[in-house]
């Protein structure tokens, strides 16, 4: 009986290690592509001449900081727009709608 279970385990394609890791972890392909990108970047960086490496070590952090700064300012802008839209909606809801309903009731009672 144990031999029979062993054969089924070895022949079952669902229990193949690669199949399970790919089907259960959708982020594995993303991490794998990041690893490939980093390996290619390091390979190209090592092929640069000495002066290219120095310039790269100066410019790459500056570019990364500028990109992060742009992303943070975009997120800040979106939050500001959301808060502003919320304030406008609340002001409209509590200040303008009750006034328009009140005027309509006055006209109906005067008739």
C-alpha atoms as a PDB file:
ATOM      1  CA  UNK A   1       0.000   0.000   0.000  1.00  0.00           C
ATOM      2  CA  UNK A   2       2.845   2.352   0.760  1.00  0.00           C
ATOM      3  CA  UNK A   3       4.458   1.594  -2.612  1.00  0.00           C
ATOM      4  CA  UNK A   4       1.188   2.436  -4.391  1.00  0.00           C
ATOM      5  CA  UNK A   5       0.952   5.812  -2.633  1.00  0.00           C
ATOM      6  CA  UNK A   6       4.590   6.521  -3.484  1.00  0.00           C
ATOM      7  CA  UNK A   7       3.956   5.925  -7.193  1.00  0.00           C
ATOM      8  CA  UNK A   8       0.924   8.211  -7.211  1.00  0.00           C
ATOM      9  CA  UNK A   9       2.896  10.937  -5.487  1.00  0.00           C
ATOM     10  CA  UNK A  10       5.712  10.770  -8.020  1.00  0.00           C
ATOM     11  CA  UNK A  11       3.401  10.678 -11.049  1.00  0.00           C
ATOM     12  CA  UNK A  12       1.069  13.454  -9.954  1.00  0.00           C
ATOM     13  CA  UNK A  13       1.924  16.608 -11.988  1.00  0.00           C
ATOM     14  CA  UNK A  14       0.174  18.871  -9.492  1.00  0.00           C
ATOM     15  CA  UNK A  15       2.745  18.020  -6.856  1.00  0.00           C
ATOM     16  CA  UNK A  16       5.676  18.927  -9.064  1.00  0.00           C
ATOM     17  CA  UNK A  17       7.687  21.530  -7.171  1.00  0.00           C
ATOM     18  CA  UNK A  18       7.867  24.055 -10.012  1.00  0.00           C
ATOM     19  CA  UNK A  19       4.171  23.760 -10.748  1.00  0.00           C
ATOM     20  CA  UNK A  20       3.202  24.380  -7.137  1.00  0.00           C
ATOM     21  CA  UNK A  21       5.489  27.362  -6.708  1.00  0.00           C
ATOM     22  CA  UNK A  22       4.251  29.024  -9.916  1.00  0.00           C
ATOM     23  CA  UNK A  23       0.577  28.394  -9.260  1.00  0.00           C
ATOM     24  CA  UNK A  24       0.607  29.337  -5.573  1.00  0.00           C
ATOM     25  CA  UNK A  25       2.859  32.378  -5.723  1.00  0.00           C
ATOM     26  CA  UNK A  26       1.871  34.909  -8.417  1.00  0.00           C
ATOM     27  CA  UNK A  27       4.505  37.344  -7.158  1.00  0.00           C
ATOM     28  CA  UNK A  28       7.333  34.923  -7.901  1.00  0.00           C
ATOM     29  CA  UNK A  29       7.494  36.046 -11.539  1.00  0.00           C
ATOM     30  CA  UNK A  30       7.713  39.679 -10.433  1.00  0.00           C
ATOM     31  CA  UNK A  31      10.533  38.930  -7.999  1.00  0.00           C
ATOM     32  CA  UNK A  32      12.290  36.857 -10.625  1.00  0.00           C
ATOM     33  CA  UNK A  33      12.125  39.722 -13.151  1.00  0.00           C
ATOM     34  CA  UNK A  34      13.482  42.133 -10.523  1.00  0.00           C
ATOM     35  CA  UNK A  35      16.373  39.766  -9.853  1.00  0.00           C
ATOM     36  CA  UNK A  36      17.109  39.511 -13.577  1.00  0.00           C
ATOM     37  CA  UNK A  37      17.027  43.306 -13.918  1.00  0.00           C
ATOM     38  CA  UNK A  38      19.420  43.728 -10.972  1.00  0.00           C
ATOM     39  CA  UNK A  39      21.796  41.116 -12.379  1.00  0.00           C
ATOM     40  CA  UNK A  40      21.808  42.793 -15.803  1.00  0.00           C
ATOM     41  CA  UNK A  41      22.346  46.204 -14.199  1.00  0.00           C
ATOM     42  CA  UNK A  42      25.287  44.990 -12.114  1.00  0.00           C
ATOM     43  CA  UNK A  43      26.821  43.267 -15.137  1.00  0.00           C
ATOM     44  CA  UNK A  44      26.606  46.447 -17.218  1.00  0.00           C
ATOM     45  CA  UNK A  45      27.861  48.560 -14.322  1.00  0.00           C
ATOM     46  CA  UNK A  46      30.931  46.361 -13.893  1.00  0.00           C
ATOM     47  CA  UNK A  47      31.743  46.747 -17.594  1.00  0.00           C
ATOM     48  CA  UNK A  48      31.969  50.545 -17.279  1.00  0.00           C
ATOM     49  CA  UNK A  49      35.364  52.214 -17.062  1.00  0.00           C
ATOM     50  CA  UNK A  50      36.469  53.606 -13.704  1.00  0.00           C
ATOM     51  CA  UNK A  51      35.331  57.165 -14.454  1.00  0.00           C
ATOM     52  CA  UNK A  52      31.935  55.820 -15.625  1.00  0.00           C
ATOM     53  CA  UNK A  53      31.491  53.965 -12.346  1.00  0.00           C
ATOM     54  CA  UNK A  54      32.242  57.137 -10.358  1.00  0.00           C
ATOM     55  CA  UNK A  55      29.804  59.213 -12.407  1.00  0.00           C
ATOM     56  CA  UNK A  56      27.214  56.443 -12.115  1.00  0.00           C
ATOM     57  CA  UNK A  57      27.583  56.309  -8.331  1.00  0.00           C
ATOM     58  CA  UNK A  58      26.983  60.057  -8.216  1.00  0.00           C
ATOM     59  CA  UNK A  59      24.119  60.323 -10.716  1.00  0.00           C
ATOM     60  CA  UNK A  60      22.102  57.166  -9.956  1.00  0.00           C
ATOM     61  CA  UNK A  61      21.163  58.140  -6.368  1.00  0.00           C
ATOM     62  CA  UNK A  62      20.254  61.649  -7.531  1.00  0.00           C
ATOM     63  CA  UNK A  63      17.951  60.261 -10.234  1.00  0.00           C
ATOM     64  CA  UNK A  64      16.360  57.816  -7.787  1.00  0.00           C
ATOM     65  CA  UNK A  65      15.746  60.593  -5.255  1.00  0.00           C
ATOM     66  CA  UNK A  66      14.168  62.812  -7.940  1.00  0.00           C
ATOM     67  CA  UNK A  67      11.866  59.987  -9.066  1.00  0.00           C
ATOM     68  CA  UNK A  68      10.786  59.301  -5.479  1.00  0.00           C
ATOM     69  CA  UNK A  69      10.239  63.018  -4.944  1.00  0.00           C
ATOM     70  CA  UNK A  70       8.002  63.183  -8.022  1.00  0.00           C
ATOM     71  CA  UNK A  71       5.990  60.155  -6.887  1.00  0.00           C
ATOM     72  CA  UNK A  72       5.530  61.596  -3.392  1.00  0.00           C
ATOM     73  CA  UNK A  73       4.437  64.963  -4.754  1.00  0.00           C
ATOM     74  CA  UNK A  74       1.928  63.211  -7.020  1.00  0.00           C
ATOM     75  CA  UNK A  75       0.508  61.249  -4.088  1.00  0.00           C
ATOM     76  CA  UNK A  76       0.356  64.451  -2.039  1.00  0.00           C
ATOM     77  CA  UNK A  77      -1.479  66.207  -4.869  1.00  0.00           C
ATOM     78  CA  UNK A  78      -4.015  63.375  -5.134  1.00  0.00           C
ATOM     79  CA  UNK A  79      -4.655  63.461  -1.377  1.00  0.00           C
ATOM     80  CA  UNK A  80      -5.092  67.242  -1.493  1.00  0.00           C
ATOM     81  CA  UNK A  81      -7.554  66.989  -4.376  1.00  0.00           C
ATOM     82  CA  UNK A  82      -9.495  64.289  -2.507  1.00  0.00           C
ATOM     83  CA  UNK A  83      -9.730  66.356   0.663  1.00  0.00           C
ATOM     84  CA  UNK A  84     -10.733  69.460  -1.314  1.00  0.00           C
ATOM     85  CA  UNK A  85     -13.425  67.513  -3.176  1.00  0.00           C
ATOM     86  CA  UNK A  86     -14.710  66.136   0.134  1.00  0.00           C
ATOM     87  CA  UNK A  87     -14.944  69.630   1.641  1.00  0.00           C
ATOM     88  CA  UNK A  88     -16.782  70.918  -1.420  1.00  0.00           C
ATOM     89  CA  UNK A  89     -19.202  67.978  -1.306  1.00  0.00           C
ATOM     90  CA  UNK A  90     -19.908  68.447   2.410  1.00  0.00           C
ATOM     91  CA  UNK A  91     -20.405  72.183   1.909  1.00  0.00           C
ATOM     92  CA  UNK A  92     -22.782  71.534  -0.972  1.00  0.00           C
ATOM     93  CA  UNK A  93     -24.642  68.882   0.965  1.00  0.00           C
ATOM     94  CA  UNK A  94     -25.189  70.923   4.132  1.00  0.00           C
ATOM     95  CA  UNK A  95     -25.304  74.531   2.882  1.00  0.00           C
ATOM     96  CA  UNK A  96     -26.809  74.619  -0.598  1.00  0.00           C
ATOM     97  CA  UNK A  97     -29.267  71.699  -0.628  1.00  0.00           C
ATOM     98  CA  UNK A  98     -31.135  72.727   2.576  1.00  0.00           C
ATOM     99  CA  UNK A  99     -31.479  76.316   1.290  1.00  0.00           C
ATOM    100  CA  UNK A 100     -32.950  75.185  -2.006  1.00  0.00           C
ATOM    101  CA  UNK A 101     -35.399  72.847  -0.242  1.00  0.00           C
ATOM    102  CA  UNK A 102     -36.442  75.603   2.154  1.00  0.00           C
ATOM    103  CA  UNK A 103     -37.195  78.021  -0.693  1.00  0.00           C
ATOM    104  CA  UNK A 104     -39.308  75.429  -2.438  1.00  0.00           C
ATOM    105  CA  UNK A 105     -41.401  74.860   0.684  1.00  0.00           C
ATOM    106  CA  UNK A 106     -41.971  78.601   1.138  1.00  0.00           C
ATOM    107  CA  UNK A 107     -43.284  78.928  -2.400  1.00  0.00           C
ATOM    108  CA  UNK A 108     -45.702  76.032  -1.931  1.00  0.00           C
ATOM    109  CA  UNK A 109     -47.074  77.423   1.335  1.00  0.00           C
ATOM    110  CA  UNK A 110     -47.650  80.895  -0.131  1.00  0.00           C
ATOM    111  CA  UNK A 111     -49.790  79.586  -2.963  1.00  0.00           C
END
